[in-house]
Amino acid sequence: MRIVIYSMLALLLAIQFPLWLGKGGWLKVYEMERQLEIQEARNSALSLRNAKLAGDVKDLKEGTRAIEERARVEHGMIKEGEFFVQILPNNESAAPATLKQ
């Protein structure tokens, strides 16, 4: 009778092994689901970035305001008849040092 019980227990363990640790086991499924969630988060962030870039491209193709704004911000350009005024912060460290006598 003990042989039958031990053989049934061994068969039960043999059946459970692939379920937990096998190629398509629960642990592998859990790991794949975790990787899928991470990839979906990356994809959504990249989709937002792509939508923003598509909007920028559309603005640059259709209007002159976007081109003008980029020229001002990135290249420091100004229109004819405009004046450029730059206000520098008052830093004490930027002042020339006095000589000690």
Protein backbone atom coordinates (compact mmCIF):
# COMPACT_ATOMS: atom_id res chain seq x y z
CA MET A 1 0.00 0.00 0.00
CA ARG A 2 2.87 2.37 0.76
CA ILE A 3 4.31 1.82 -2.69
CA VAL A 4 1.05 2.99 -4.27
CA ILE A 5 0.90 6.11 -2.06
CA TYR A 6 4.54 7.03 -2.76
CA SER A 7 4.16 6.43 -6.48
CA MET A 8 1.02 8.62 -6.57
CA LEU A 9 2.88 11.35 -4.66
CA ALA A 10 5.79 11.10 -7.11
CA LEU A 11 3.40 11.38 -10.05
CA LEU A 12 1.72 14.38 -8.46
CA LEU A 13 5.10 16.09 -8.06
CA ALA A 14 6.04 15.15 -11.62
CA ILE A 15 2.85 16.78 -12.90
CA GLN A 16 3.32 19.92 -10.78
CA PHE A 17 6.92 20.58 -11.87
CA PRO A 18 6.10 21.75 -15.42
CA LEU A 19 3.17 23.78 -14.11
CA TRP A 20 5.39 25.86 -11.84
CA LEU A 21 8.85 25.75 -13.38
CA GLY A 22 8.34 24.53 -16.95
CA LYS A 23 8.62 26.43 -20.22
CA GLY A 24 5.06 27.76 -20.03
CA GLY A 25 4.77 27.66 -16.25
CA TRP A 26 3.20 30.22 -13.96
CA LEU A 27 6.50 31.80 -13.04
CA LYS A 28 7.36 32.44 -16.69
CA VAL A 29 3.88 33.84 -17.32
CA TYR A 30 4.24 36.20 -14.36
CA GLU A 31 7.64 37.41 -15.60
CA MET A 32 6.31 37.94 -19.14
CA GLU A 33 3.33 39.94 -17.82
CA ARG A 34 5.69 42.15 -15.83
CA GLN A 35 7.84 42.76 -18.91
CA LEU A 36 4.71 43.51 -20.92
CA GLU A 37 3.61 46.19 -18.44
CA ILE A 38 7.04 47.82 -18.57
CA GLN A 39 7.03 47.82 -22.38
CA GLU A 40 3.50 49.26 -22.52
CA ALA A 41 4.60 52.10 -20.22
CA ARG A 42 7.57 52.82 -22.50
CA ASN A 43 5.32 52.71 -25.57
CA SER A 44 2.84 55.18 -24.09
CA ALA A 45 5.65 57.61 -23.23
CA LEU A 46 7.02 57.32 -26.76
CA SER A 47 3.54 57.80 -28.23
CA LEU A 48 3.20 61.08 -26.34
CA ARG A 49 6.59 62.20 -27.61
CA ASN A 50 5.65 61.23 -31.18
CA ALA A 51 2.37 63.14 -30.94
CA LYS A 52 4.23 66.24 -29.78
CA LEU A 53 6.75 65.94 -32.60
CA ALA A 54 3.94 65.43 -35.13
CA GLY A 55 2.32 68.63 -33.85
CA ASP A 56 5.60 70.49 -34.23
CA VAL A 57 6.00 69.22 -37.80
CA LYS A 58 2.44 70.25 -38.64
CA ASP A 59 3.01 73.74 -37.21
CA LEU A 60 6.26 74.15 -39.12
CA LYS A 61 4.64 73.05 -42.39
CA GLU A 62 1.46 75.10 -42.11
CA GLY A 63 2.29 78.34 -40.34
CA THR A 64 5.01 80.91 -40.00
CA ARG A 65 4.49 81.54 -36.28
CA ALA A 66 6.20 78.29 -35.29
CA ILE A 67 9.15 79.02 -37.56
CA GLU A 68 9.40 82.54 -36.16
CA GLU A 69 9.26 81.28 -32.58
CA ARG A 70 12.00 78.72 -33.19
CA ALA A 71 14.18 81.33 -34.86
CA ARG A 72 13.78 83.62 -31.87
CA VAL A 73 14.33 81.01 -29.15
CA GLU A 74 16.94 78.73 -30.69
CA HIS A 75 18.91 81.17 -32.83
CA GLY A 76 18.36 84.52 -31.10
CA MET A 77 16.99 86.19 -34.23
CA ILE A 78 14.87 89.35 -34.11
CA LYS A 79 12.55 91.04 -36.59
CA GLU A 80 13.46 94.15 -38.48
CA GLY A 81 12.68 97.19 -36.34
CA GLU A 82 12.84 95.30 -33.04
CA PHE A 83 15.38 95.85 -30.30
CA PHE A 84 16.98 93.07 -28.28
CA VAL A 85 17.58 93.85 -24.62
CA GLN A 86 19.37 91.37 -22.38
CA ILE A 87 19.27 91.88 -18.63
CA LEU A 88 22.04 90.15 -16.73
CA PRO A 89 21.61 89.15 -13.09
CA ASN A 90 23.62 91.06 -10.52
CA ASN A 91 26.12 88.46 -9.31
CA GLU A 92 28.69 89.47 -6.75
CA SER A 93 30.92 86.61 -7.84
CA ALA A 94 31.01 87.98 -11.40
CA ALA A 95 32.36 91.38 -10.25
CA PRO A 96 36.12 91.86 -10.63
CA ALA A 97 38.08 91.19 -7.47
CA THR A 98 39.79 94.18 -5.82
CA LEU A 99 43.50 94.07 -5.07
CA LYS A 100 44.56 93.91 -1.43
CA GLN A 101 47.34 96.19 -0.36
